[in-house]
Amino acid sequence: MLKLLGAVCILLATVSGFAQLRVALQQRVAELNDWLAAVRLLQSEMNYGLLPLPRLCELAAGQIGGAVGRFWQVLAAALQQGEPLALPEIWQRLLAAQSPDWHLLPEDLPALAELGQGLGSSGLNNQQRLLALTEQRLQRLAAEAEARRNRLARLLGGLGWCSGLLLVCLWL
């Protein structure tokens, strides 16, 4: 009876471990979509609302949840406090501080870093071009992440069960 209980525990541990990997793949897709929504919000507000950047960041934080929303919330607070650093430095510092909490891959971060370098530092036309370029890059990254998630989700589920059964067989 104890061996059976141990076997069930091993099987459940491996299945849940691989399920966490599947959740991380889904979180990456969700975070990229949140960044895409933030860029689209910035585009529309820059075109029609002409709000100041701290207010845009507050608006993005209010409409986007999760880790990406917290980034915009902290950025808005930093801009409203009138920190002595310029926006690109604040952006890079926040990106470095908060990106370990995200599920994004290292190849996703350059698009976000470039957004911070150009946001608020040039004319409206240049910022609109930057946002359009960032939107295209984020769309491509989100599509790749979605395809990767779809491709690997079933594989990870099967690996969880197979590795658990293998460990149980080796243990017994």
C-alpha atoms as a PDB file:
ATOM      1  CA  MET A   1       0.000   0.000   0.000  1.00  0.00           C
ATOM      2  CA  LEU A   2       2.837   2.369   0.848  1.00  0.00           C
ATOM      3  CA  LYS A   3       4.554   1.630  -2.463  1.00  0.00           C
ATOM      4  CA  LEU A   4       1.352   2.377  -4.338  1.00  0.00           C
ATOM      5  CA  LEU A   5       0.996   5.687  -2.522  1.00  0.00           C
ATOM      6  CA  GLY A   6       4.632   6.512  -3.298  1.00  0.00           C
ATOM      7  CA  ALA A   7       4.116   5.628  -6.955  1.00  0.00           C
ATOM      8  CA  VAL A   8       1.089   7.913  -7.162  1.00  0.00           C
ATOM      9  CA  CYS A   9       3.085  10.737  -5.526  1.00  0.00           C
ATOM     10  CA  ILE A  10       5.948  10.322  -8.007  1.00  0.00           C
ATOM     11  CA  LEU A  11       3.545  10.277 -10.929  1.00  0.00           C
ATOM     12  CA  LEU A  12       1.684  13.364  -9.715  1.00  0.00           C
ATOM     13  CA  ALA A  13       4.958  15.218  -9.057  1.00  0.00           C
ATOM     14  CA  THR A  14       6.259  14.671 -12.577  1.00  0.00           C
ATOM     15  CA  VAL A  15       2.930  15.495 -14.213  1.00  0.00           C
ATOM     16  CA  SER A  16       2.600  18.713 -12.191  1.00  0.00           C
ATOM     17  CA  GLY A  17       6.224  19.660 -12.888  1.00  0.00           C
ATOM     18  CA  PHE A  18       5.687  19.461 -16.615  1.00  0.00           C
ATOM     19  CA  ALA A  19       2.319  21.223 -16.238  1.00  0.00           C
ATOM     20  CA  GLN A  20       4.182  24.172 -14.706  1.00  0.00           C
ATOM     21  CA  LEU A  21       6.303  24.345 -17.843  1.00  0.00           C
ATOM     22  CA  ARG A  22       3.137  24.468 -19.935  1.00  0.00           C
ATOM     23  CA  VAL A  23       1.808  27.276 -17.751  1.00  0.00           C
ATOM     24  CA  ALA A  24       5.065  29.204 -18.259  1.00  0.00           C
ATOM     25  CA  LEU A  25       4.629  28.907 -22.027  1.00  0.00           C
ATOM     26  CA  GLN A  26       1.095  30.265 -21.720  1.00  0.00           C
ATOM     27  CA  GLN A  27       2.255  33.095 -19.452  1.00  0.00           C
ATOM     28  CA  ARG A  28       4.810  34.191 -22.047  1.00  0.00           C
ATOM     29  CA  VAL A  29       2.065  34.442 -24.664  1.00  0.00           C
ATOM     30  CA  ALA A  30      -0.141  36.391 -22.247  1.00  0.00           C
ATOM     31  CA  GLU A  31       2.652  38.806 -21.312  1.00  0.00           C
ATOM     32  CA  LEU A  32       3.536  39.469 -24.946  1.00  0.00           C
ATOM     33  CA  ASN A  33      -0.138  40.150 -25.651  1.00  0.00           C
ATOM     34  CA  ASP A  34      -0.239  42.526 -22.665  1.00  0.00           C
ATOM     35  CA  TRP A  35       2.766  44.419 -24.041  1.00  0.00           C
ATOM     36  CA  LEU A  36       1.066  44.513 -27.429  1.00  0.00           C
ATOM     37  CA  ALA A  37      -2.081  45.946 -25.839  1.00  0.00           C
ATOM     38  CA  ALA A  38       0.008  48.589 -24.066  1.00  0.00           C
ATOM     39  CA  VAL A  39       1.690  49.617 -27.310  1.00  0.00           C
ATOM     40  CA  ARG A  40      -1.667  49.860 -29.069  1.00  0.00           C
ATOM     41  CA  LEU A  41      -3.024  51.960 -26.218  1.00  0.00           C
ATOM     42  CA  LEU A  42      -0.036  54.280 -26.451  1.00  0.00           C
ATOM     43  CA  GLN A  43      -0.534  54.573 -30.214  1.00  0.00           C
ATOM     44  CA  SER A  44      -4.180  55.516 -29.954  1.00  0.00           C
ATOM     45  CA  GLU A  45      -3.643  57.960 -27.111  1.00  0.00           C
ATOM     46  CA  MET A  46      -0.710  59.613 -28.843  1.00  0.00           C
ATOM     47  CA  ASN A  47      -2.794  60.024 -31.978  1.00  0.00           C
ATOM     48  CA  TYR A  48      -6.017  61.232 -30.400  1.00  0.00           C
ATOM     49  CA  GLY A  49      -5.680  61.924 -26.685  1.00  0.00           C
ATOM     50  CA  LEU A  50      -2.360  63.763 -26.533  1.00  0.00           C
ATOM     51  CA  LEU A  51      -2.031  62.950 -22.840  1.00  0.00           C
ATOM     52  CA  PRO A  52       1.272  63.484 -21.036  1.00  0.00           C
ATOM     53  CA  LEU A  53       3.448  60.408 -20.655  1.00  0.00           C
ATOM     54  CA  PRO A  54       2.883  59.871 -16.898  1.00  0.00           C
ATOM     55  CA  ARG A  55      -0.864  59.885 -17.506  1.00  0.00           C
ATOM     56  CA  LEU A  56      -0.440  57.451 -20.427  1.00  0.00           C
ATOM     57  CA  CYS A  57       1.487  55.108 -18.148  1.00  0.00           C
ATOM     58  CA  GLU A  58      -1.281  55.314 -15.518  1.00  0.00           C
ATOM     59  CA  LEU A  59      -3.841  54.540 -18.188  1.00  0.00           C
ATOM     60  CA  ALA A  60      -1.835  51.540 -19.390  1.00  0.00           C
ATOM     61  CA  ALA A  61      -1.432  50.314 -15.810  1.00  0.00           C
ATOM     62  CA  GLY A  62      -5.178  50.579 -15.265  1.00  0.00           C
ATOM     63  CA  GLN A  63      -6.097  48.645 -18.382  1.00  0.00           C
ATOM     64  CA  ILE A  64      -3.399  45.981 -18.300  1.00  0.00           C
ATOM     65  CA  GLY A  65      -3.106  43.585 -15.430  1.00  0.00           C
ATOM     66  CA  GLY A  66      -0.440  41.275 -14.187  1.00  0.00           C
ATOM     67  CA  ALA A  67       3.291  41.849 -14.314  1.00  0.00           C
ATOM     68  CA  VAL A  68       3.115  44.134 -17.340  1.00  0.00           C
ATOM     69  CA  GLY A  69       0.535  46.331 -15.619  1.00  0.00           C
ATOM     70  CA  ARG A  70       2.804  46.589 -12.572  1.00  0.00           C
ATOM     71  CA  PHE A  71       5.637  47.747 -14.836  1.00  0.00           C
ATOM     72  CA  TRP A  72       3.499  50.588 -16.180  1.00  0.00           C
ATOM     73  CA  GLN A  73       2.303  51.431 -12.676  1.00  0.00           C
ATOM     74  CA  VAL A  74       5.854  51.732 -11.337  1.00  0.00           C
ATOM     75  CA  LEU A  75       6.895  53.717 -14.412  1.00  0.00           C
ATOM     76  CA  ALA A  76       4.003  56.148 -13.932  1.00  0.00           C
ATOM     77  CA  ALA A  77       4.918  56.619 -10.280  1.00  0.00           C
ATOM     78  CA  ALA A  78       8.571  57.234 -11.163  1.00  0.00           C
ATOM     79  CA  LEU A  79       7.650  59.786 -13.811  1.00  0.00           C
ATOM     80  CA  GLN A  80       5.217  61.595 -11.510  1.00  0.00           C
ATOM     81  CA  GLN A  81       7.787  61.831  -8.725  1.00  0.00           C
ATOM     82  CA  GLY A  82      10.017  63.690 -11.124  1.00  0.00           C
ATOM     83  CA  GLU A  83      13.000  61.394 -10.785  1.00  0.00           C
ATOM     84  CA  PRO A  84      16.249  63.016 -11.906  1.00  0.00           C
ATOM     85  CA  LEU A  85      16.832  60.266 -14.471  1.00  0.00           C
ATOM     86  CA  ALA A  86      15.594  60.529 -18.037  1.00  0.00           C
ATOM     87  CA  LEU A  87      12.878  58.172 -19.254  1.00  0.00           C
ATOM     88  CA  PRO A  88      15.291  55.778 -21.047  1.00  0.00           C
ATOM     89  CA  GLU A  89      17.306  55.281 -17.845  1.00  0.00           C
ATOM     90  CA  ILE A  90      14.186  54.778 -15.721  1.00  0.00           C
ATOM     91  CA  TRP A  91      12.831  52.361 -18.342  1.00  0.00           C
ATOM     92  CA  GLN A  92      16.038  50.304 -18.464  1.00  0.00           C
ATOM     93  CA  ARG A  93      16.268  50.189 -14.674  1.00  0.00           C
ATOM     94  CA  LEU A  94      12.657  49.012 -14.351  1.00  0.00           C
ATOM     95  CA  LEU A  95      13.066  46.536 -17.191  1.00  0.00           C
ATOM     96  CA  ALA A  96      16.127  45.026 -15.509  1.00  0.00           C
ATOM     97  CA  ALA A  97      14.423  44.946 -12.116  1.00  0.00           C
ATOM     98  CA  GLN A  98      11.099  43.470 -13.197  1.00  0.00           C
ATOM     99  CA  SER A  99      11.980  41.224 -16.134  1.00  0.00           C
ATOM    100  CA  PRO A 100      13.122  38.325 -13.897  1.00  0.00           C
ATOM    101  CA  ASP A 101       9.513  38.092 -12.685  1.00  0.00           C
ATOM    102  CA  TRP A 102       8.239  37.717 -16.234  1.00  0.00           C
ATOM    103  CA  HIS A 103       8.072  34.628 -18.401  1.00  0.00           C
ATOM    104  CA  LEU A 104       9.577  36.380 -21.411  1.00  0.00           C
ATOM    105  CA  LEU A 105      12.650  34.966 -23.107  1.00  0.00           C
ATOM    106  CA  PRO A 106      15.863  36.993 -23.465  1.00  0.00           C
ATOM    107  CA  GLU A 107      15.153  37.484 -27.177  1.00  0.00           C
ATOM    108  CA  ASP A 108      11.868  39.229 -26.281  1.00  0.00           C
ATOM    109  CA  LEU A 109      13.500  41.971 -24.210  1.00  0.00           C
ATOM    110  CA  PRO A 110      15.330  43.965 -26.946  1.00  0.00           C
ATOM    111  CA  ALA A 111      12.000  45.048 -28.456  1.00  0.00           C
ATOM    112  CA  LEU A 112      10.939  46.379 -25.073  1.00  0.00           C
ATOM    113  CA  ALA A 113      14.303  48.027 -24.453  1.00  0.00           C
ATOM    114  CA  GLU A 114      14.143  49.848 -27.794  1.00  0.00           C
ATOM    115  CA  LEU A 115      10.646  51.046 -26.989  1.00  0.00           C
ATOM    116  CA  GLY A 116      11.944  52.662 -23.817  1.00  0.00           C
ATOM    117  CA  GLN A 117      14.850  54.291 -25.626  1.00  0.00           C
ATOM    118  CA  GLY A 118      12.644  56.144 -28.077  1.00  0.00           C
ATOM    119  CA  LEU A 119       9.507  56.795 -26.060  1.00  0.00           C
ATOM    120  CA  GLY A 120       9.105  60.422 -25.091  1.00  0.00           C
ATOM    121  CA  SER A 121      12.450  61.470 -26.533  1.00  0.00           C
ATOM    122  CA  SER A 122      11.579  62.495 -30.082  1.00  0.00           C
ATOM    123  CA  GLY A 123       8.802  64.107 -32.057  1.00  0.00           C
ATOM    124  CA  LEU A 124       5.325  62.685 -32.396  1.00  0.00           C
ATOM    125  CA  ASN A 125       5.991  61.238 -35.871  1.00  0.00           C
ATOM    126  CA  ASN A 126       9.104  59.403 -34.719  1.00  0.00           C
ATOM    127  CA  GLN A 127       7.293  58.036 -31.689  1.00  0.00           C
ATOM    128  CA  GLN A 128       4.417  56.842 -33.871  1.00  0.00           C
ATOM    129  CA  ARG A 129       6.921  55.045 -36.134  1.00  0.00           C
ATOM    130  CA  LEU A 130       8.613  53.519 -33.095  1.00  0.00           C
ATOM    131  CA  LEU A 131       5.286  52.300 -31.725  1.00  0.00           C
ATOM    132  CA  ALA A 132       4.296  50.846 -35.103  1.00  0.00           C
ATOM    133  CA  LEU A 133       7.617  49.038 -35.380  1.00  0.00           C
ATOM    134  CA  THR A 134       7.345  47.770 -31.813  1.00  0.00           C
ATOM    135  CA  GLU A 135       3.808  46.586 -32.478  1.00  0.00           C
ATOM    136  CA  GLN A 136       4.997  44.596 -35.503  1.00  0.00           C
ATOM    137  CA  ARG A 137       7.844  43.047 -33.525  1.00  0.00           C
ATOM    138  CA  LEU A 138       5.572  42.153 -30.616  1.00  0.00           C
ATOM    139  CA  GLN A 139       2.992  40.649 -32.990  1.00  0.00           C
ATOM    140  CA  ARG A 140       5.698  38.479 -34.521  1.00  0.00           C
ATOM    141  CA  LEU A 141       7.019  37.450 -31.091  1.00  0.00           C
ATOM    142  CA  ALA A 142       3.498  36.693 -29.830  1.00  0.00           C
ATOM    143  CA  ALA A 143       2.725  34.589 -32.909  1.00  0.00           C
ATOM    144  CA  GLU A 144       5.972  32.661 -32.462  1.00  0.00           C
ATOM    145  CA  ALA A 145       5.251  32.170 -28.753  1.00  0.00           C
ATOM    146  CA  GLU A 146       1.731  30.956 -29.532  1.00  0.00           C
ATOM    147  CA  ALA A 147       3.034  28.489 -32.117  1.00  0.00           C
ATOM    148  CA  ARG A 148       5.699  27.287 -29.692  1.00  0.00           C
ATOM    149  CA  ARG A 149       3.120  26.869 -26.923  1.00  0.00           C
ATOM    150  CA  ASN A 150       0.796  24.904 -29.197  1.00  0.00           C
ATOM    151  CA  ARG A 151       3.647  22.709 -30.374  1.00  0.00           C
ATOM    152  CA  LEU A 152       5.129  22.000 -26.947  1.00  0.00           C
ATOM    153  CA  ALA A 153       2.018  21.832 -24.735  1.00  0.00           C
ATOM    154  CA  ARG A 154       0.996  18.319 -25.735  1.00  0.00           C
ATOM    155  CA  LEU A 155       4.600  17.176 -25.760  1.00  0.00           C
ATOM    156  CA  LEU A 156       5.149  18.396 -22.202  1.00  0.00           C
ATOM    157  CA  GLY A 157       1.952  16.706 -21.049  1.00  0.00           C
ATOM    158  CA  GLY A 158       3.070  13.411 -22.538  1.00  0.00           C
ATOM    159  CA  LEU A 159       6.551  13.789 -21.130  1.00  0.00           C
ATOM    160  CA  GLY A 160       5.132  14.328 -17.663  1.00  0.00           C
ATOM    161  CA  TRP A 161       3.192  11.100 -17.770  1.00  0.00           C
ATOM    162  CA  CYS A 162       5.946   9.087 -19.450  1.00  0.00           C
ATOM    163  CA  SER A 163       8.710  10.279 -17.155  1.00  0.00           C
ATOM    164  CA  GLY A 164       6.507   9.645 -14.128  1.00  0.00           C
ATOM    165  CA  LEU A 165       5.706   6.125 -15.264  1.00  0.00           C
ATOM    166  CA  LEU A 166       9.384   5.508 -16.004  1.00  0.00           C
ATOM    167  CA  LEU A 167      10.394   6.657 -12.541  1.00  0.00           C
ATOM    168  CA  VAL A 168       7.707   4.492 -10.964  1.00  0.00           C
ATOM    169  CA  CYS A 169       8.903   1.458 -12.963  1.00  0.00           C
ATOM    170  CA  LEU A 170      12.494   2.093 -11.965  1.00  0.00           C
ATOM    171  CA  TRP A 171      11.520   2.539  -8.344  1.00  0.00           C
ATOM    172  CA  LEU A 172       9.432  -0.621  -8.178  1.00  0.00           C
END
